[in-house]
Amino acid sequence: MTDYGRPLSFGVSLDPTAADVGSALDLARQADRAGLEYLAVQDHAYQPGYLDMWTMLSWLAAATERIAVVPDVADLQLRPPTMLAKAAASLATIAPGRVVLGVGAGPSAAAVASMGATPHHGDAMVEYTEEAIGILRAALAGQPIRTTTEHHHIAGYQAGPRPPRPVEIWVGAQKPKMLGVTGRAGDGWVSPLNIYVPPDDVPQRQALVDDAARSAGRNPRDERRLYNVIGAIGPYRGGQGLVGPVELWVDRLTEWAVGLGFDTFVLWTITDPAAQLQLFTSEVVPAVRERVAAHRAG
C-alpha cells in the first residue's frame, strides 16, 4: 500500500450507555482539551441501554469547544437520508466545522425490522445505501430533492439550512460492493474495528476503494481513511485488539499510516478510559505525528 499523504487526525470512541453518560462527557472534555480531532459515537438505537446517537452527539458538541463529532457510523436504514441530512445540517450550522457524517448500511436486518423500518438485503442494500448517500450530499448542499426509485420516494424536499462549511460523508464498509460505494460516493472510508478488519486484510480493501474512486473519475488521495482501533496501552494483560506498551502503539499506528494508508485513528479502549485517553493523547499521538512527519520528509 501507499501513504496517501493526508494530514493525521485522532479521535476517541465514547460509550453511549445511558447509565454512564457522565463518564462519556468527562472523556469528551478531556479529549477536547488534549487537542484530539474527533469524538465518535456508535449507532445502535435498538439497544435499550444506549442513548440515541444523534442526541448524544449534539449534547457533546454543546459541552465542548473545538473538537468535532462523528457518528461511527449512522444506520441509514433507520435514519432516512432527508431527516439525517436535516439533523447534520442543523448541528453543523450551530457548530460550524465540527460535524462529520459517518454512515453505513447497518449491521443487523433484524434490528432494523425491530424498530419498524424496512430492512434491505444483498444488492438492494447496496443500492439503497448509494442512493441515500447521493440524497444526503444534495440535501447538505441545500439542493431540492425529488426522486422516485425502488428504495426512495421523495416528493420535493426543500433542503436546508445549508451549513456554512461542508459536511463530509464517510462510509463504514468492509465487503467489496460496499467498499465500491465508498470509493464512488464517499468522502472517506470508515474501517470497522481492527479485530474485524485486521491489518493484513486492509490492502485489499483499500485497493477496492481506490479502484471504485478511479472508475468514478475521483482521486483516491481525496478519500479519508479511518481505522477504529480497539485495545489497551500499557501493561494491561489479556483482552482483544492492540494491547501493549506505548512503543508498540506508536510503532503500529505509524506503520498503519505510512504502510496501510490510514490517516485517522479512533481509540476504542477496553480498560480505564480516562487513563488510557491520557496515555493516548500525551504519549502515543505526538510520537506518531512526529514519526509519520519524519517518514514523509524522507
Protein backbone atom coordinates (compact mmCIF):
# COMPACT_ATOMS: atom_id res chain seq x y z
CA MET A 1 0.00 0.00 0.00
CA THR A 2 0.93 3.61 -0.33
CA ASP A 3 0.86 6.52 2.06
CA TYR A 4 -1.81 8.85 0.72
CA GLY A 5 -0.07 11.76 2.42
CA ARG A 6 -3.16 13.16 4.13
CA PRO A 7 -2.82 15.01 7.46
CA LEU A 8 -3.12 12.77 10.50
CA SER A 9 -6.02 13.08 12.92
CA PHE A 10 -7.08 11.22 16.04
CA GLY A 11 -10.24 10.61 18.00
CA VAL A 12 -11.83 8.60 20.77
CA SER A 13 -14.96 6.47 20.76
CA LEU A 14 -17.42 7.28 23.56
CA ASP A 15 -19.71 4.64 25.04
CA PRO A 16 -23.38 5.64 24.55
CA THR A 17 -24.54 3.67 27.60
CA ALA A 18 -27.21 5.79 29.30
CA ALA A 19 -26.23 4.67 32.80
CA ASP A 20 -22.71 6.11 32.46
CA VAL A 21 -23.27 9.24 30.44
CA GLY A 22 -21.33 11.40 32.91
CA SER A 23 -18.13 9.46 32.19
CA ALA A 24 -18.62 9.99 28.45
CA LEU A 25 -18.90 13.73 28.98
CA ASP A 26 -15.74 13.77 31.10
CA LEU A 27 -13.86 11.90 28.38
CA ALA A 28 -15.19 14.25 25.70
CA ARG A 29 -13.91 17.28 27.56
CA GLN A 30 -10.59 15.55 28.24
CA ALA A 31 -10.18 14.79 24.51
CA ASP A 32 -11.15 18.36 23.61
CA ARG A 33 -8.56 19.87 25.98
CA ALA A 34 -5.89 17.47 24.72
CA GLY A 35 -6.34 18.51 21.09
CA LEU A 36 -7.88 15.40 19.54
CA GLU A 37 -9.92 15.99 16.40
CA TYR A 38 -12.94 13.68 16.81
CA LEU A 39 -15.50 12.34 19.26
CA ALA A 40 -17.06 9.20 17.78
CA VAL A 41 -20.31 7.53 18.89
CA GLN A 42 -21.67 4.24 17.61
CA ASP A 43 -25.27 4.00 16.40
CA HIS A 44 -27.25 1.09 17.84
CA ALA A 45 -30.60 2.71 18.59
CA TYR A 46 -32.26 -0.69 19.09
CA GLN A 47 -30.16 -1.30 22.23
CA PRO A 48 -32.41 -0.30 25.16
CA GLY A 49 -29.48 0.74 27.34
CA TYR A 50 -27.96 3.07 24.71
CA LEU A 51 -28.66 6.73 24.16
CA ASP A 52 -29.73 7.89 20.72
CA MET A 53 -26.53 8.63 18.83
CA TRP A 54 -27.57 11.98 17.34
CA THR A 55 -28.93 13.30 20.62
CA MET A 56 -25.66 12.37 22.31
CA LEU A 57 -23.52 13.97 19.60
CA SER A 58 -25.48 17.21 19.85
CA TRP A 59 -25.05 17.25 23.62
CA LEU A 60 -21.31 16.57 23.31
CA ALA A 61 -20.86 19.33 20.73
CA ALA A 62 -22.59 21.79 23.07
CA ALA A 63 -20.44 20.71 26.02
CA THR A 64 -17.08 21.02 24.23
CA GLU A 65 -15.29 23.87 22.48
CA ARG A 66 -13.45 22.81 19.33
CA ILE A 67 -13.49 19.03 18.80
CA ALA A 68 -15.66 17.59 16.00
CA VAL A 69 -18.33 14.91 16.43
CA VAL A 70 -18.94 11.96 14.10
CA PRO A 71 -21.37 9.02 14.06
CA ASP A 72 -19.29 5.87 13.82
CA VAL A 73 -21.48 5.10 11.88
CA ALA A 74 -25.13 6.21 11.45
CA ASP A 75 -27.51 3.43 10.38
CA LEU A 76 -29.00 4.60 7.08
CA GLN A 77 -31.80 2.03 7.23
CA LEU A 78 -33.04 3.53 10.50
CA ARG A 79 -32.36 7.17 9.61
CA PRO A 80 -33.95 8.28 6.31
CA PRO A 81 -31.45 10.39 4.37
CA THR A 82 -33.53 13.59 4.28
CA MET A 83 -34.01 13.56 8.06
CA LEU A 84 -30.38 12.62 8.69
CA ALA A 85 -29.27 15.46 6.42
CA LYS A 86 -31.57 17.84 8.31
CA ALA A 87 -30.06 16.78 11.64
CA ALA A 88 -26.48 17.02 10.36
CA ALA A 89 -27.04 20.37 8.65
CA SER A 90 -28.69 21.77 11.77
CA LEU A 91 -25.83 20.76 14.07
CA ALA A 92 -23.23 21.88 11.51
CA THR A 93 -24.93 25.28 11.38
CA ILE A 94 -24.86 25.57 15.17
CA ALA A 95 -21.27 24.24 15.40
CA PRO A 96 -19.58 25.11 12.06
CA GLY A 97 -16.75 22.82 11.03
CA ARG A 98 -17.37 20.42 13.89
CA VAL A 99 -19.59 17.80 12.23
CA VAL A 100 -18.65 14.84 10.04
CA LEU A 101 -21.29 12.37 8.90
CA GLY A 102 -20.23 8.74 9.17
CA VAL A 103 -22.85 6.46 7.60
CA GLY A 104 -23.36 2.80 6.87
CA ALA A 105 -25.97 0.29 5.80
CA GLY A 106 -26.47 -1.01 9.34
CA PRO A 107 -25.22 -4.24 10.92
CA SER A 108 -28.48 -6.11 11.53
CA ALA A 109 -31.58 -6.56 9.40
CA ALA A 110 -33.42 -8.00 12.42
CA ALA A 111 -32.61 -4.91 14.47
CA VAL A 112 -33.81 -2.63 11.68
CA ALA A 113 -37.09 -4.55 11.47
CA SER A 114 -37.49 -4.50 15.26
CA MET A 115 -37.76 -0.68 15.14
CA GLY A 116 -40.35 -0.70 12.37
CA ALA A 117 -38.07 0.14 9.45
CA THR A 118 -37.75 -1.90 6.28
CA PRO A 119 -34.54 -3.93 6.13
CA HIS A 120 -32.72 -4.35 2.84
CA HIS A 121 -30.59 -7.29 1.81
CA GLY A 122 -27.77 -8.03 -0.61
CA ASP A 123 -27.65 -5.88 -3.74
CA ALA A 124 -30.77 -3.99 -2.67
CA MET A 125 -28.97 -2.83 0.48
CA VAL A 126 -26.02 -1.65 -1.60
CA GLU A 127 -28.30 0.24 -3.98
CA TYR A 128 -30.27 1.75 -1.11
CA THR A 129 -27.08 2.94 0.60
CA GLU A 130 -25.57 4.53 -2.51
CA GLU A 131 -28.82 6.31 -3.30
CA ALA A 132 -29.08 7.52 0.30
CA ILE A 133 -25.57 8.97 0.18
CA GLY A 134 -26.45 10.86 -3.00
CA ILE A 135 -29.56 12.27 -1.33
CA LEU A 136 -27.54 13.23 1.75
CA ARG A 137 -24.96 15.04 -0.33
CA ALA A 138 -27.55 17.01 -2.29
CA ALA A 139 -29.52 17.91 0.83
CA LEU A 140 -26.41 19.03 2.72
CA ALA A 141 -25.68 21.32 -0.24
CA GLY A 142 -29.15 22.85 0.11
CA GLN A 143 -30.47 21.39 -3.14
CA PRO A 144 -34.16 20.49 -3.55
CA ILE A 145 -34.72 16.73 -3.60
CA ARG A 146 -37.23 14.99 -5.81
CA THR A 147 -36.68 11.34 -6.66
CA THR A 148 -38.66 8.16 -7.15
CA THR A 149 -36.80 4.87 -7.15
CA GLU A 150 -37.46 1.40 -5.79
CA HIS A 151 -35.88 2.46 -2.50
CA HIS A 152 -36.62 6.18 -2.09
CA HIS A 153 -39.71 8.27 -2.78
CA ILE A 154 -39.08 11.97 -2.10
CA ALA A 155 -41.68 14.36 -3.47
CA GLY A 156 -39.85 17.68 -3.42
CA TYR A 157 -37.93 18.16 -0.18
CA GLN A 158 -36.69 21.74 0.16
CA ALA A 159 -33.37 21.10 1.90
CA GLY A 160 -31.87 23.43 4.44
CA PRO A 161 -30.28 25.01 6.31
CA ARG A 162 -27.10 24.89 4.29
CA PRO A 163 -24.17 24.66 6.73
CA PRO A 164 -21.54 27.41 6.50
CA ARG A 165 -18.88 24.74 6.00
CA PRO A 166 -19.24 21.48 4.03
CA VAL A 167 -20.10 18.30 5.93
CA GLU A 168 -18.03 15.34 4.76
CA ILE A 169 -19.68 11.93 4.37
CA TRP A 170 -17.57 8.96 5.46
CA VAL A 171 -18.81 5.44 4.71
CA GLY A 172 -18.45 2.46 7.01
CA ALA A 173 -17.84 -0.66 4.93
CA GLN A 174 -15.91 -3.91 4.80
CA LYS A 175 -17.34 -6.01 1.95
CA PRO A 176 -16.46 -5.47 -1.73
CA LYS A 177 -19.70 -3.93 -3.00
CA MET A 178 -19.98 -1.51 -0.11
CA LEU A 179 -16.32 -0.59 -0.48
CA GLY A 180 -17.18 0.22 -4.08
CA VAL A 181 -19.90 2.58 -2.85
CA THR A 182 -17.31 4.16 -0.56
CA GLY A 183 -14.96 4.89 -3.42
CA ARG A 184 -17.65 6.17 -5.78
CA ALA A 185 -19.76 8.19 -3.36
CA GLY A 186 -17.99 8.80 -0.05
CA ASP A 187 -15.51 11.35 1.21
CA GLY A 188 -13.81 8.72 3.34
CA TRP A 189 -13.70 5.08 4.40
CA VAL A 190 -14.50 4.12 8.00
CA SER A 191 -12.98 0.71 8.63
CA PRO A 192 -14.56 -1.49 11.28
CA LEU A 193 -12.51 -2.34 14.35
CA ASN A 194 -9.02 -3.74 13.85
CA ILE A 195 -10.27 -7.09 15.18
CA TYR A 196 -12.85 -7.28 12.38
CA VAL A 197 -10.64 -5.92 9.59
CA PRO A 198 -7.13 -6.86 10.73
CA PRO A 199 -4.13 -5.06 9.21
CA ASP A 200 -3.32 -7.95 6.85
CA ASP A 201 -6.75 -7.55 5.24
CA VAL A 202 -6.54 -3.78 4.79
CA PRO A 203 -4.54 -3.52 1.50
CA GLN A 204 -7.16 -5.47 -0.45
CA ARG A 205 -9.93 -3.29 0.91
CA GLN A 206 -8.04 -0.07 0.25
CA ALA A 207 -7.50 -1.22 -3.34
CA LEU A 208 -11.24 -1.77 -3.79
CA VAL A 209 -11.95 1.77 -2.58
CA ASP A 210 -9.24 3.16 -4.86
CA ASP A 211 -10.44 1.26 -7.93
CA ALA A 212 -14.00 2.42 -7.41
CA ALA A 213 -12.89 6.02 -6.92
CA ARG A 214 -10.87 5.97 -10.15
CA SER A 215 -13.76 4.39 -12.06
CA ALA A 216 -15.91 7.34 -10.96
CA GLY A 217 -13.27 9.87 -12.05
CA ARG A 218 -12.22 10.62 -8.49
CA ASN A 219 -8.74 10.83 -6.95
CA PRO A 220 -8.24 8.15 -4.26
CA ARG A 221 -6.00 10.56 -2.35
CA ASP A 222 -9.04 12.72 -1.68
CA GLU A 223 -10.60 9.97 0.48
CA ARG A 224 -10.18 9.98 4.25
CA ARG A 225 -9.23 6.58 5.74
CA LEU A 226 -10.28 5.96 9.36
CA TYR A 227 -9.27 2.94 11.46
CA ASN A 228 -11.19 2.11 14.63
CA VAL A 229 -8.50 0.69 16.94
CA ILE A 230 -9.59 -1.32 19.95
CA GLY A 231 -7.10 -2.31 22.62
CA ALA A 232 -5.17 -1.12 25.67
CA ILE A 233 -1.98 0.90 26.16
CA GLY A 234 0.50 -0.21 28.81
CA PRO A 235 0.99 -3.34 30.95
CA TYR A 236 -2.64 -4.47 30.63
CA ARG A 237 -2.83 -8.25 30.08
CA GLY A 238 -5.49 -10.05 28.13
CA GLY A 239 -8.26 -8.54 26.09
CA GLN A 240 -8.53 -8.09 22.36
CA GLY A 241 -7.03 -5.85 19.73
CA LEU A 242 -3.81 -3.87 20.04
CA VAL A 243 -2.51 -4.48 23.56
CA GLY A 244 0.95 -3.40 24.68
CA PRO A 245 3.22 -0.55 25.75
CA VAL A 246 3.28 2.95 24.30
CA GLU A 247 6.16 1.98 22.00
CA LEU A 248 4.08 -0.79 20.40
CA TRP A 249 1.18 1.58 19.79
CA VAL A 250 3.49 4.18 18.25
CA ASP A 251 5.10 1.56 16.00
CA ARG A 252 1.79 0.09 14.84
CA LEU A 253 -0.06 3.34 14.19
CA THR A 254 2.94 4.68 12.30
CA GLU A 255 3.06 1.51 10.19
CA TRP A 256 -0.67 1.68 9.57
CA ALA A 257 -0.38 5.30 8.45
CA VAL A 258 2.60 5.03 6.09
CA GLY A 259 2.13 1.38 5.12
CA LEU A 260 -1.63 0.85 5.05
CA GLY A 261 -2.82 4.33 4.13
CA PHE A 262 -4.82 5.29 7.22
CA ASP A 263 -4.82 8.95 8.25
CA THR A 264 -7.31 8.90 11.13
CA PHE A 265 -7.25 6.66 14.20
CA VAL A 266 -10.06 6.37 16.73
CA LEU A 267 -9.26 4.83 20.11
CA TRP A 268 -11.67 2.22 21.47
CA THR A 269 -10.24 1.44 24.89
CA ILE A 270 -11.04 -1.81 26.71
CA THR A 271 -9.96 -0.62 30.17
CA ASP A 272 -9.79 2.50 32.37
CA PRO A 273 -10.89 5.01 29.70
CA ALA A 274 -9.63 8.20 31.35
CA ALA A 275 -6.14 6.82 32.00
CA GLN A 276 -5.97 5.26 28.54
CA LEU A 277 -7.03 8.50 26.88
CA GLN A 278 -4.33 10.34 28.83
CA LEU A 279 -1.64 7.94 27.56
CA PHE A 280 -3.03 8.13 24.04
CA THR A 281 -3.07 11.93 23.87
CA SER A 282 0.15 12.65 25.78
CA GLU A 283 2.44 9.88 24.52
CA VAL A 284 1.07 7.94 21.54
CA VAL A 285 -0.42 10.71 19.38
CA PRO A 286 2.55 13.15 19.50
CA ALA A 287 5.04 10.37 18.75
CA VAL A 288 3.01 9.06 15.81
CA ARG A 289 2.68 12.55 14.35
CA GLU A 290 6.45 13.05 14.67
CA ARG A 291 7.36 9.69 13.16
CA VAL A 292 4.99 10.00 10.23
CA ALA A 293 6.23 13.53 9.51
CA ALA A 294 9.83 12.26 9.57
CA HIS A 295 8.96 9.41 7.21
CA ARG A 296 7.23 11.74 4.77
CA ALA A 297 10.20 14.08 4.88
CA GLY A 298 12.43 11.22 3.80
